[in-house]
Amino acid sequence: MKIAYICSGEEHMTDAVLAEASSIAAQDGLALAGTIQMIDPDQLPGKCDITLGLLPDGEQRSISVDLGPGVSGCRLDPGALEDVVMIVHQRLPAAHALIVNKFGKQEAAGRGLVSAIGEACERGLPVLVGVSPEWREAFLQFSGGEAQHILSDAPSAAKWLKDACDTLG
């Protein structure tokens, strides 16, 4: 199992690193499946809109519920997330590697993109996952302690992806 993770306490750092690493990897000729979280620099503080970019084409899907004006915080739309999961599964057969923007509450409970991570591992595909410090222990437990920590910079993440794919033959 080739699985690595990026973990940063700095807000949106992991999202930015995974987005740039996916771009570098694609330029290097790697076919990717998975998700990256889109960051809107103009989003109002306290406003939550979780939009995922689907790899490899960047199609954008919102997976959050709009809670209305004046309401802060996020509410995940489980149906929208499951739609994204289905698309990721459909794209795995053509992929060299999987990128998952976040191992979080849903994944720790065995839902969300955890099934895509499992399928990618079964297929022998390298998997790169974003993990927040809050969910790091749950992720390490999920990975059986096999996950490699990657520095939170795009060149390191892209190099890990390329090297992991190169060793597959």
C-alpha atoms as a PDB file:
ATOM      1  CA  MET A   1       0.000   0.000   0.000  1.00  0.00           C
ATOM      2  CA  LYS A   2       1.407   3.354  -1.060  1.00  0.00           C
ATOM      3  CA  ILE A   3      -0.367   6.001   0.959  1.00  0.00           C
ATOM      4  CA  ALA A   4       0.889   9.400   2.056  1.00  0.00           C
ATOM      5  CA  TYR A   5      -0.642  12.413   3.704  1.00  0.00           C
ATOM      6  CA  ILE A   6      -0.204  16.115   4.128  1.00  0.00           C
ATOM      7  CA  CYS A   7      -1.164  17.615   7.461  1.00  0.00           C
ATOM      8  CA  SER A   8      -1.088  21.322   8.213  1.00  0.00           C
ATOM      9  CA  GLY A   9      -2.769  23.376  10.896  1.00  0.00           C
ATOM     10  CA  GLU A  10      -2.576  26.456   8.671  1.00  0.00           C
ATOM     11  CA  GLU A  11      -6.007  27.148   7.177  1.00  0.00           C
ATOM     12  CA  HIS A  12      -6.253  26.161   3.497  1.00  0.00           C
ATOM     13  CA  MET A  13      -2.548  25.209   3.314  1.00  0.00           C
ATOM     14  CA  THR A  14      -3.305  21.554   2.622  1.00  0.00           C
ATOM     15  CA  ASP A  15      -5.900  22.516  -0.001  1.00  0.00           C
ATOM     16  CA  ALA A  16      -3.420  24.778  -1.792  1.00  0.00           C
ATOM     17  CA  VAL A  17      -0.637  22.173  -1.678  1.00  0.00           C
ATOM     18  CA  LEU A  18      -2.853  19.390  -3.047  1.00  0.00           C
ATOM     19  CA  ALA A  19      -4.190  21.634  -5.820  1.00  0.00           C
ATOM     20  CA  GLU A  20      -0.693  22.656  -6.925  1.00  0.00           C
ATOM     21  CA  ALA A  21       0.676  19.114  -6.549  1.00  0.00           C
ATOM     22  CA  SER A  22      -2.143  17.758  -8.724  1.00  0.00           C
ATOM     23  CA  SER A  23      -1.313  20.339 -11.368  1.00  0.00           C
ATOM     24  CA  ILE A  24       2.403  19.456 -11.317  1.00  0.00           C
ATOM     25  CA  ALA A  25       1.610  15.728 -11.434  1.00  0.00           C
ATOM     26  CA  ALA A  26      -0.740  16.201 -14.388  1.00  0.00           C
ATOM     27  CA  GLN A  27       1.971  18.170 -16.221  1.00  0.00           C
ATOM     28  CA  ASP A  28       4.300  15.225 -15.538  1.00  0.00           C
ATOM     29  CA  GLY A  29       1.820  12.975 -17.339  1.00  0.00           C
ATOM     30  CA  LEU A  30       0.145  11.317 -14.366  1.00  0.00           C
ATOM     31  CA  ALA A  31      -3.538  10.507 -14.726  1.00  0.00           C
ATOM     32  CA  LEU A  32      -5.213  11.427 -11.456  1.00  0.00           C
ATOM     33  CA  ALA A  33      -8.578  10.716  -9.898  1.00  0.00           C
ATOM     34  CA  GLY A  34      -9.943  12.266  -6.737  1.00  0.00           C
ATOM     35  CA  THR A  35     -10.784  15.604  -5.225  1.00  0.00           C
ATOM     36  CA  ILE A  36      -9.215  18.900  -4.332  1.00  0.00           C
ATOM     37  CA  GLN A  37     -10.989  21.594  -2.344  1.00  0.00           C
ATOM     38  CA  MET A  38     -11.493  24.839  -4.188  1.00  0.00           C
ATOM     39  CA  ILE A  39     -10.658  27.968  -2.199  1.00  0.00           C
ATOM     40  CA  ASP A  40     -12.549  31.192  -2.819  1.00  0.00           C
ATOM     41  CA  PRO A  41     -10.371  34.099  -1.619  1.00  0.00           C
ATOM     42  CA  ASP A  42     -13.445  36.370  -1.760  1.00  0.00           C
ATOM     43  CA  GLN A  43     -15.545  34.174   0.552  1.00  0.00           C
ATOM     44  CA  LEU A  44     -16.850  36.115   3.519  1.00  0.00           C
ATOM     45  CA  PRO A  45     -15.481  35.144   6.954  1.00  0.00           C
ATOM     46  CA  GLY A  46     -17.782  32.677   8.690  1.00  0.00           C
ATOM     47  CA  LYS A  47     -19.460  31.751   5.382  1.00  0.00           C
ATOM     48  CA  CYS A  48     -19.010  28.163   4.400  1.00  0.00           C
ATOM     49  CA  ASP A  49     -19.227  26.744   0.918  1.00  0.00           C
ATOM     50  CA  ILE A  50     -17.350  23.518   0.347  1.00  0.00           C
ATOM     51  CA  THR A  51     -16.651  23.130  -3.342  1.00  0.00           C
ATOM     52  CA  LEU A  52     -14.619  20.209  -4.615  1.00  0.00           C
ATOM     53  CA  GLY A  53     -12.716  20.069  -7.867  1.00  0.00           C
ATOM     54  CA  LEU A  54     -12.886  16.607  -9.393  1.00  0.00           C
ATOM     55  CA  LEU A  55      -9.738  15.227 -10.931  1.00  0.00           C
ATOM     56  CA  PRO A  56      -8.578  15.044 -13.605  1.00  0.00           C
ATOM     57  CA  ASP A  57     -10.802  17.638 -15.332  1.00  0.00           C
ATOM     58  CA  GLY A  58     -11.490  20.096 -12.500  1.00  0.00           C
ATOM     59  CA  GLU A  59     -15.286  19.806 -12.668  1.00  0.00           C
ATOM     60  CA  GLN A  60     -16.589  21.638  -9.594  1.00  0.00           C
ATOM     61  CA  ARG A  61     -19.226  20.289  -7.213  1.00  0.00           C
ATOM     62  CA  SER A  62     -20.594  21.918  -4.069  1.00  0.00           C
ATOM     63  CA  ILE A  63     -20.995  19.494  -1.170  1.00  0.00           C
ATOM     64  CA  SER A  64     -22.338  21.949   1.408  1.00  0.00           C
ATOM     65  CA  VAL A  65     -25.792  23.128   2.322  1.00  0.00           C
ATOM     66  CA  ASP A  66     -26.397  26.874   2.325  1.00  0.00           C
ATOM     67  CA  LEU A  67     -27.577  27.624   5.843  1.00  0.00           C
ATOM     68  CA  GLY A  68     -28.815  31.078   4.909  1.00  0.00           C
ATOM     69  CA  PRO A  69     -27.763  34.640   5.691  1.00  0.00           C
ATOM     70  CA  GLY A  70     -26.195  35.329   9.058  1.00  0.00           C
ATOM     71  CA  VAL A  71     -25.513  31.673   9.819  1.00  0.00           C
ATOM     72  CA  SER A  72     -21.886  30.711  10.245  1.00  0.00           C
ATOM     73  CA  GLY A  73     -20.421  27.259  10.049  1.00  0.00           C
ATOM     74  CA  CYS A  74     -20.746  24.407   7.607  1.00  0.00           C
ATOM     75  CA  ARG A  75     -23.254  21.714   6.957  1.00  0.00           C
ATOM     76  CA  LEU A  76     -22.246  18.910   4.686  1.00  0.00           C
ATOM     77  CA  ASP A  77     -24.720  17.700   2.071  1.00  0.00           C
ATOM     78  CA  PRO A  78     -24.276  13.906   2.367  1.00  0.00           C
ATOM     79  CA  GLY A  79     -26.077  13.276  -0.934  1.00  0.00           C
ATOM     80  CA  ALA A  80     -23.782  15.644  -2.813  1.00  0.00           C
ATOM     81  CA  LEU A  81     -20.738  14.021  -1.215  1.00  0.00           C
ATOM     82  CA  GLU A  82     -21.970  10.568  -2.246  1.00  0.00           C
ATOM     83  CA  ASP A  83     -22.404  11.829  -5.833  1.00  0.00           C
ATOM     84  CA  VAL A  84     -18.756  12.957  -5.765  1.00  0.00           C
ATOM     85  CA  VAL A  85     -17.675   9.593  -4.344  1.00  0.00           C
ATOM     86  CA  MET A  86     -19.461   7.792  -7.194  1.00  0.00           C
ATOM     87  CA  ILE A  87     -17.694   9.945  -9.791  1.00  0.00           C
ATOM     88  CA  VAL A  88     -14.302   9.306  -8.161  1.00  0.00           C
ATOM     89  CA  HIS A  89     -14.954   5.537  -8.231  1.00  0.00           C
ATOM     90  CA  GLN A  90     -15.861   5.759 -11.938  1.00  0.00           C
ATOM     91  CA  ARG A  91     -12.584   7.555 -12.675  1.00  0.00           C
ATOM     92  CA  LEU A  92     -10.272   5.229 -10.731  1.00  0.00           C
ATOM     93  CA  PRO A  93      -9.799   2.635 -13.524  1.00  0.00           C
ATOM     94  CA  ALA A  94      -8.128   5.247 -15.750  1.00  0.00           C
ATOM     95  CA  ALA A  95      -5.984   6.740 -12.964  1.00  0.00           C
ATOM     96  CA  HIS A  96      -2.351   6.301 -11.989  1.00  0.00           C
ATOM     97  CA  ALA A  97      -3.001   7.758  -8.504  1.00  0.00           C
ATOM     98  CA  LEU A  98      -5.719   9.095  -6.203  1.00  0.00           C
ATOM     99  CA  ILE A  99      -5.748  12.431  -4.393  1.00  0.00           C
ATOM    100  CA  VAL A 100      -8.276  12.989  -1.608  1.00  0.00           C
ATOM    101  CA  ASN A 101      -8.647  16.508  -0.323  1.00  0.00           C
ATOM    102  CA  LYS A 102      -9.631  15.547   3.198  1.00  0.00           C
ATOM    103  CA  PHE A 103      -9.794  12.644   5.584  1.00  0.00           C
ATOM    104  CA  GLY A 104     -12.277  14.043   8.072  1.00  0.00           C
ATOM    105  CA  LYS A 105     -15.286  13.207  10.164  1.00  0.00           C
ATOM    106  CA  GLN A 106     -17.103  11.332   7.396  1.00  0.00           C
ATOM    107  CA  GLU A 107     -14.061   9.227   6.527  1.00  0.00           C
ATOM    108  CA  ALA A 108     -13.252   8.504  10.180  1.00  0.00           C
ATOM    109  CA  ALA A 109     -16.791   7.094  10.429  1.00  0.00           C
ATOM    110  CA  GLY A 110     -16.191   4.880   7.373  1.00  0.00           C
ATOM    111  CA  ARG A 111     -18.119   7.097   4.947  1.00  0.00           C
ATOM    112  CA  GLY A 112     -17.212   9.772   2.427  1.00  0.00           C
ATOM    113  CA  LEU A 113     -14.165   9.068   0.299  1.00  0.00           C
ATOM    114  CA  VAL A 114     -12.892   6.215   2.472  1.00  0.00           C
ATOM    115  CA  SER A 115     -14.273   3.651  -0.005  1.00  0.00           C
ATOM    116  CA  ALA A 116     -12.362   5.322  -2.856  1.00  0.00           C
ATOM    117  CA  ILE A 117      -9.167   5.216  -0.784  1.00  0.00           C
ATOM    118  CA  GLY A 118      -9.760   1.516  -0.147  1.00  0.00           C
ATOM    119  CA  GLU A 119     -10.430   0.768  -3.811  1.00  0.00           C
ATOM    120  CA  ALA A 120      -7.333   2.679  -4.915  1.00  0.00           C
ATOM    121  CA  CYS A 121      -5.216   0.730  -2.424  1.00  0.00           C
ATOM    122  CA  GLU A 122      -6.717  -2.553  -3.655  1.00  0.00           C
ATOM    123  CA  ARG A 123      -5.818  -1.551  -7.218  1.00  0.00           C
ATOM    124  CA  GLY A 124      -2.261  -0.765  -6.095  1.00  0.00           C
ATOM    125  CA  LEU A 125      -2.619   2.941  -6.852  1.00  0.00           C
ATOM    126  CA  PRO A 126      -0.686   5.486  -4.800  1.00  0.00           C
ATOM    127  CA  VAL A 127      -2.973   7.607  -2.604  1.00  0.00           C
ATOM    128  CA  LEU A 128      -2.241  11.131  -1.359  1.00  0.00           C
ATOM    129  CA  VAL A 129      -4.584  12.461   1.326  1.00  0.00           C
ATOM    130  CA  GLY A 130      -5.070  15.804   3.054  1.00  0.00           C
ATOM    131  CA  VAL A 131      -5.520  15.390   6.799  1.00  0.00           C
ATOM    132  CA  SER A 132      -6.258  18.074   9.367  1.00  0.00           C
ATOM    133  CA  PRO A 133      -4.468  17.768  12.721  1.00  0.00           C
ATOM    134  CA  GLU A 134      -7.841  17.008  14.364  1.00  0.00           C
ATOM    135  CA  TRP A 135      -8.262  13.825  12.280  1.00  0.00           C
ATOM    136  CA  ARG A 136      -4.626  12.732  12.016  1.00  0.00           C
ATOM    137  CA  GLU A 137      -4.867   9.941  14.617  1.00  0.00           C
ATOM    138  CA  ALA A 138      -8.032   8.538  13.013  1.00  0.00           C
ATOM    139  CA  PHE A 139      -6.303   8.570   9.617  1.00  0.00           C
ATOM    140  CA  LEU A 140      -3.183   6.858  10.948  1.00  0.00           C
ATOM    141  CA  GLN A 141      -5.369   4.212  12.547  1.00  0.00           C
ATOM    142  CA  PHE A 142      -7.278   3.785   9.266  1.00  0.00           C
ATOM    143  CA  SER A 143      -4.008   3.365   7.348  1.00  0.00           C
ATOM    144  CA  GLY A 144      -2.674   0.870   9.873  1.00  0.00           C
ATOM    145  CA  GLY A 145       0.278   3.169  10.520  1.00  0.00           C
ATOM    146  CA  GLU A 146       1.436   2.656   6.914  1.00  0.00           C
ATOM    147  CA  ALA A 147       0.916   6.237   5.734  1.00  0.00           C
ATOM    148  CA  GLN A 148       3.970   8.356   5.033  1.00  0.00           C
ATOM    149  CA  HIS A 149       3.925  12.007   6.122  1.00  0.00           C
ATOM    150  CA  ILE A 150       4.850  14.382   3.280  1.00  0.00           C
ATOM    151  CA  LEU A 151       6.042  17.933   3.825  1.00  0.00           C
ATOM    152  CA  SER A 152       3.325  20.514   3.219  1.00  0.00           C
ATOM    153  CA  ASP A 153       4.711  21.793  -0.058  1.00  0.00           C
ATOM    154  CA  ALA A 154       3.553  21.006  -3.566  1.00  0.00           C
ATOM    155  CA  PRO A 155       6.908  19.956  -5.078  1.00  0.00           C
ATOM    156  CA  SER A 156       7.412  17.340  -2.315  1.00  0.00           C
ATOM    157  CA  ALA A 157       3.871  16.018  -2.765  1.00  0.00           C
ATOM    158  CA  ALA A 158       4.176  15.895  -6.569  1.00  0.00           C
ATOM    159  CA  LYS A 159       7.561  14.145  -6.299  1.00  0.00           C
ATOM    160  CA  TRP A 160       6.065  11.543  -3.947  1.00  0.00           C
ATOM    161  CA  LEU A 161       3.249  10.907  -6.442  1.00  0.00           C
ATOM    162  CA  LYS A 162       5.649  10.581  -9.376  1.00  0.00           C
ATOM    163  CA  ASP A 163       8.057   8.332  -7.482  1.00  0.00           C
ATOM    164  CA  ALA A 164       5.202   6.156  -6.174  1.00  0.00           C
ATOM    165  CA  CYS A 165       3.806   5.771  -9.704  1.00  0.00           C
ATOM    166  CA  ASP A 166       7.265   5.072 -11.169  1.00  0.00           C
ATOM    167  CA  THR A 167       7.812   2.157  -8.784  1.00  0.00           C
ATOM    168  CA  LEU A 168       4.594   0.530 -10.013  1.00  0.00           C
ATOM    169  CA  GLY A 169       6.220  -0.279 -13.303  1.00  0.00           C
END
